[in-house]
Amino acid sequence: MSRDQEVNEERQCLHCLMVELIDDFFAENPVATGEPNTFDTDEVITALAKMVAELTSSQGGGIRQSMIEQLTREILKYDTEFRQHEAMGAPSSDARH
């Protein structure tokens, strides 16, 4: 096994880190509804939008637009995947990777 493969296997998934961070944030800062395990979707969407804008701000207009279009395609792709997993009764965590 190459060193790059070993590092990739040891490296935690960025998606999983982000989900864990969001879960921890709302566990420590519950939404006003009082419902356990809930989160403010507007706050999450706004945070993600700001993060993408910040990460792409140094790119030229065409590249930035291309990245935003790629993000939109990926959102639609994973939304479809999660819906398919739900329809099959599979745990949503299986759709994460």
N, C-alpha and C. Protein backbone atom coordinates (compact mmCIF):
# COMPACT_ATOMS: atom_id res chain seq x y z
N MET A 1 0.85 -1.18 0.00
CA MET A 1 0.00 0.00 0.00
C MET A 1 0.90 1.24 0.00
N SER A 2 0.57 2.21 -0.84
CA SER A 2 1.38 3.43 -0.91
C SER A 2 1.09 4.32 0.30
N ARG A 3 1.99 5.23 0.55
CA ARG A 3 1.84 6.19 1.67
C ARG A 3 0.59 7.03 1.49
N ASP A 4 0.28 7.45 0.24
CA ASP A 4 -0.92 8.25 -0.02
C ASP A 4 -2.18 7.48 0.33
N GLN A 5 -2.22 6.20 0.00
CA GLN A 5 -3.38 5.38 0.33
C GLN A 5 -3.54 5.24 1.83
N GLU A 6 -2.42 5.06 2.54
CA GLU A 6 -2.47 4.95 4.00
C GLU A 6 -3.01 6.24 4.62
N VAL A 7 -2.54 7.39 4.15
CA VAL A 7 -3.01 8.67 4.68
C VAL A 7 -4.50 8.83 4.42
N ASN A 8 -4.96 8.50 3.20
CA ASN A 8 -6.37 8.64 2.88
C ASN A 8 -7.25 7.73 3.73
N GLU A 9 -6.75 6.54 4.08
CA GLU A 9 -7.53 5.63 4.91
C GLU A 9 -7.58 6.11 6.35
N GLU A 10 -6.54 6.80 6.82
CA GLU A 10 -6.49 7.31 8.17
C GLU A 10 -7.23 8.63 8.31
N ARG A 11 -7.34 9.34 7.25
CA ARG A 11 -7.93 10.68 7.24
C ARG A 11 -9.43 10.61 7.40
N GLN A 12 -9.98 11.41 8.31
CA GLN A 12 -11.42 11.43 8.51
C GLN A 12 -12.09 12.18 7.37
N CYS A 13 -13.23 11.72 6.99
CA CYS A 13 -14.01 12.32 5.90
C CYS A 13 -14.44 13.74 6.28
N LEU A 14 -14.22 14.70 5.39
CA LEU A 14 -14.61 16.08 5.64
C LEU A 14 -16.11 16.19 5.86
N HIS A 15 -16.89 15.47 5.09
CA HIS A 15 -18.33 15.49 5.26
C HIS A 15 -18.72 15.07 6.67
N CYS A 16 -18.11 13.98 7.14
CA CYS A 16 -18.42 13.48 8.48
C CYS A 16 -18.03 14.50 9.56
N LEU A 17 -16.89 15.15 9.36
CA LEU A 17 -16.46 16.20 10.30
C LEU A 17 -17.48 17.34 10.34
N MET A 18 -17.97 17.74 9.18
CA MET A 18 -18.92 18.85 9.11
C MET A 18 -20.25 18.46 9.76
N VAL A 19 -20.72 17.25 9.49
CA VAL A 19 -21.97 16.78 10.09
C VAL A 19 -21.82 16.73 11.61
N GLU A 20 -20.68 16.21 12.06
CA GLU A 20 -20.43 16.13 13.50
C GLU A 20 -20.39 17.52 14.13
N LEU A 21 -19.75 18.46 13.46
CA LEU A 21 -19.69 19.83 13.96
C LEU A 21 -21.08 20.45 14.07
N ILE A 22 -21.90 20.26 13.05
CA ILE A 22 -23.27 20.79 13.06
C ILE A 22 -24.08 20.13 14.18
N ASP A 23 -23.96 18.81 14.30
CA ASP A 23 -24.67 18.10 15.38
C ASP A 23 -24.24 18.63 16.75
N ASP A 24 -22.93 18.77 16.94
CA ASP A 24 -22.42 19.27 18.22
C ASP A 24 -22.88 20.70 18.49
N PHE A 25 -22.85 21.53 17.46
CA PHE A 25 -23.28 22.92 17.61
C PHE A 25 -24.71 23.00 18.12
N PHE A 26 -25.61 22.24 17.48
CA PHE A 26 -27.02 22.31 17.89
C PHE A 26 -27.30 21.56 19.18
N ALA A 27 -26.43 20.60 19.54
CA ALA A 27 -26.57 19.95 20.84
C ALA A 27 -26.23 20.95 21.95
N GLU A 28 -25.23 21.80 21.70
CA GLU A 28 -24.82 22.81 22.67
C GLU A 28 -25.68 24.06 22.61
N ASN A 29 -26.30 24.31 21.47
CA ASN A 29 -27.12 25.51 21.26
C ASN A 29 -28.46 25.08 20.68
N PRO A 30 -29.34 24.52 21.51
CA PRO A 30 -30.59 23.97 20.98
C PRO A 30 -31.47 25.04 20.31
N VAL A 31 -32.22 24.57 19.35
CA VAL A 31 -33.18 25.42 18.66
C VAL A 31 -34.32 25.71 19.63
N ALA A 32 -34.93 26.87 19.50
CA ALA A 32 -35.95 27.32 20.44
C ALA A 32 -37.18 26.41 20.51
N THR A 33 -37.34 25.48 19.58
CA THR A 33 -38.53 24.61 19.60
C THR A 33 -38.55 23.70 20.81
N GLY A 34 -37.39 23.44 21.39
CA GLY A 34 -37.33 22.56 22.54
C GLY A 34 -37.29 21.09 22.16
N GLU A 35 -37.42 20.81 20.88
CA GLU A 35 -37.37 19.42 20.40
C GLU A 35 -35.92 18.95 20.41
N PRO A 36 -35.67 17.76 20.96
CA PRO A 36 -34.29 17.26 20.93
C PRO A 36 -33.89 16.86 19.51
N ASN A 37 -32.61 16.94 19.24
CA ASN A 37 -32.04 16.52 17.95
C ASN A 37 -32.62 17.29 16.76
N THR A 38 -32.94 18.55 16.96
CA THR A 38 -33.40 19.38 15.84
C THR A 38 -32.35 20.44 15.55
N PHE A 39 -32.40 20.97 14.35
CA PHE A 39 -31.48 22.04 13.99
C PHE A 39 -32.20 23.02 13.10
N ASP A 40 -31.68 24.22 13.04
CA ASP A 40 -32.25 25.31 12.27
C ASP A 40 -31.71 25.21 10.84
N THR A 41 -32.56 24.73 9.93
CA THR A 41 -32.10 24.54 8.55
C THR A 41 -31.67 25.86 7.90
N ASP A 42 -32.37 26.94 8.23
CA ASP A 42 -31.98 28.24 7.66
C ASP A 42 -30.57 28.63 8.10
N GLU A 43 -30.25 28.36 9.36
CA GLU A 43 -28.92 28.70 9.86
C GLU A 43 -27.84 27.85 9.19
N VAL A 44 -28.14 26.58 8.98
CA VAL A 44 -27.18 25.69 8.33
C VAL A 44 -26.98 26.11 6.88
N ILE A 45 -28.05 26.38 6.16
CA ILE A 45 -27.96 26.79 4.76
C ILE A 45 -27.19 28.10 4.62
N THR A 46 -27.47 29.06 5.49
CA THR A 46 -26.76 30.33 5.46
C THR A 46 -25.28 30.13 5.73
N ALA A 47 -24.94 29.29 6.71
CA ALA A 47 -23.53 29.02 7.03
C ALA A 47 -22.83 28.37 5.85
N LEU A 48 -23.48 27.39 5.21
CA LEU A 48 -22.88 26.73 4.05
C LEU A 48 -22.70 27.71 2.89
N ALA A 49 -23.69 28.56 2.66
CA ALA A 49 -23.61 29.54 1.58
C ALA A 49 -22.46 30.51 1.82
N LYS A 50 -22.32 30.98 3.06
CA LYS A 50 -21.22 31.89 3.39
C LYS A 50 -19.87 31.20 3.20
N MET A 51 -19.80 29.93 3.61
CA MET A 51 -18.55 29.19 3.49
C MET A 51 -18.16 29.04 2.02
N VAL A 52 -19.12 28.67 1.17
CA VAL A 52 -18.83 28.51 -0.26
C VAL A 52 -18.42 29.85 -0.86
N ALA A 53 -19.13 30.92 -0.51
CA ALA A 53 -18.79 32.24 -1.03
C ALA A 53 -17.39 32.65 -0.61
N GLU A 54 -17.06 32.38 0.64
CA GLU A 54 -15.72 32.73 1.13
C GLU A 54 -14.64 31.92 0.44
N LEU A 55 -14.87 30.62 0.29
CA LEU A 55 -13.89 29.75 -0.33
C LEU A 55 -13.68 30.06 -1.82
N THR A 56 -14.71 30.57 -2.47
CA THR A 56 -14.61 30.84 -3.91
C THR A 56 -14.33 32.31 -4.22
N SER A 57 -14.29 33.16 -3.21
CA SER A 57 -14.18 34.60 -3.45
C SER A 57 -12.89 34.99 -4.17
N SER A 58 -11.84 34.22 -4.00
CA SER A 58 -10.58 34.58 -4.64
C SER A 58 -10.49 34.07 -6.08
N GLN A 59 -11.49 33.32 -6.51
CA GLN A 59 -11.51 32.77 -7.87
C GLN A 59 -12.11 33.79 -8.84
N GLY A 60 -11.77 33.67 -10.10
CA GLY A 60 -12.35 34.52 -11.12
C GLY A 60 -13.83 34.22 -11.29
N GLY A 61 -14.56 35.13 -11.87
CA GLY A 61 -16.01 34.99 -12.02
C GLY A 61 -16.45 33.71 -12.70
N GLY A 62 -15.77 33.32 -13.78
CA GLY A 62 -16.14 32.10 -14.50
C GLY A 62 -15.90 30.85 -13.67
N ILE A 63 -14.77 30.81 -12.98
CA ILE A 63 -14.45 29.66 -12.14
C ILE A 63 -15.42 29.59 -10.97
N ARG A 64 -15.70 30.74 -10.36
CA ARG A 64 -16.64 30.79 -9.23
C ARG A 64 -18.01 30.29 -9.67
N GLN A 65 -18.48 30.74 -10.82
CA GLN A 65 -19.78 30.30 -11.32
C GLN A 65 -19.78 28.81 -11.58
N SER A 66 -18.70 28.29 -12.14
CA SER A 66 -18.58 26.86 -12.40
C SER A 66 -18.63 26.05 -11.11
N MET A 67 -17.97 26.55 -10.06
CA MET A 67 -17.97 25.87 -8.77
C MET A 67 -19.38 25.86 -8.16
N ILE A 68 -20.08 26.96 -8.30
CA ILE A 68 -21.45 27.05 -7.77
C ILE A 68 -22.36 26.09 -8.52
N GLU A 69 -22.19 26.00 -9.83
CA GLU A 69 -22.98 25.05 -10.63
C GLU A 69 -22.66 23.61 -10.25
N GLN A 70 -21.37 23.33 -10.01
CA GLN A 70 -20.99 21.99 -9.56
C GLN A 70 -21.62 21.67 -8.21
N LEU A 71 -21.62 22.63 -7.29
CA LEU A 71 -22.24 22.43 -5.98
C LEU A 71 -23.73 22.12 -6.13
N THR A 72 -24.40 22.85 -7.01
CA THR A 72 -25.83 22.61 -7.25
C THR A 72 -26.06 21.20 -7.77
N ARG A 73 -25.24 20.76 -8.72
CA ARG A 73 -25.37 19.39 -9.25
C ARG A 73 -25.14 18.35 -8.15
N GLU A 74 -24.13 18.57 -7.32
CA GLU A 74 -23.84 17.63 -6.24
C GLU A 74 -24.98 17.57 -5.23
N ILE A 75 -25.57 18.71 -4.91
CA ILE A 75 -26.70 18.73 -3.99
C ILE A 75 -27.85 17.90 -4.56
N LEU A 76 -28.16 18.10 -5.82
CA LEU A 76 -29.25 17.35 -6.45
C LEU A 76 -28.94 15.85 -6.51
N LYS A 77 -27.68 15.51 -6.80
CA LYS A 77 -27.28 14.11 -6.87
C LYS A 77 -27.44 13.44 -5.51
N TYR A 78 -26.94 14.07 -4.46
CA TYR A 78 -27.03 13.45 -3.14
C TYR A 78 -28.45 13.48 -2.59
N ASP A 79 -29.22 14.48 -2.94
CA ASP A 79 -30.63 14.49 -2.55
C ASP A 79 -31.34 13.28 -3.14
N THR A 80 -31.09 13.00 -4.39
CA THR A 80 -31.68 11.82 -5.05
C THR A 80 -31.22 10.55 -4.35
N GLU A 81 -29.95 10.46 -4.04
CA GLU A 81 -29.41 9.27 -3.36
C GLU A 81 -30.06 9.07 -1.99
N PHE A 82 -30.18 10.13 -1.21
CA PHE A 82 -30.80 10.01 0.11
C PHE A 82 -32.27 9.61 -0.01
N ARG A 83 -32.97 10.17 -0.98
CA ARG A 83 -34.39 9.80 -1.18
C ARG A 83 -34.52 8.34 -1.57
N GLN A 84 -33.62 7.85 -2.40
CA GLN A 84 -33.66 6.44 -2.79
C GLN A 84 -33.40 5.54 -1.59
N HIS A 85 -32.47 5.91 -0.74
CA HIS A 85 -32.19 5.13 0.47
C HIS A 85 -33.40 5.14 1.40
N GLU A 86 -34.05 6.29 1.54
CA GLU A 86 -35.26 6.38 2.37
C GLU A 86 -36.35 5.48 1.82
N ALA A 87 -36.54 5.51 0.51
CA ALA A 87 -37.59 4.71 -0.12
C ALA A 87 -37.36 3.22 0.07
N MET A 88 -36.09 2.82 0.14
CA MET A 88 -35.75 1.41 0.33
C MET A 88 -35.74 1.03 1.81
N GLY A 89 -35.92 2.02 2.68
CA GLY A 89 -35.90 1.76 4.10
C GLY A 89 -34.50 1.59 4.66
N ALA A 90 -33.50 1.98 3.89
CA ALA A 90 -32.11 1.85 4.34
C ALA A 90 -31.78 3.01 5.27
N PRO A 91 -30.88 2.79 6.22
CA PRO A 91 -30.49 3.88 7.11
C PRO A 91 -29.86 5.02 6.31
N SER A 92 -30.17 6.26 6.70
CA SER A 92 -29.64 7.40 5.95
C SER A 92 -28.13 7.48 6.04
N SER A 93 -27.54 6.95 7.10
CA SER A 93 -26.08 7.01 7.21
C SER A 93 -25.39 6.24 6.09
N ASP A 94 -26.06 5.26 5.52
CA ASP A 94 -25.48 4.53 4.39
C ASP A 94 -25.33 5.40 3.16
N ALA A 95 -26.15 6.44 3.06
CA ALA A 95 -26.10 7.32 1.89
C ALA A 95 -25.03 8.40 2.03
N ARG A 96 -24.39 8.50 3.15
CA ARG A 96 -23.42 9.57 3.38
C ARG A 96 -22.19 9.44 2.52
N HIS A 97 -21.78 8.25 2.17
CA HIS A 97 -20.53 8.09 1.43
C HIS A 97 -20.86 7.50 0.11
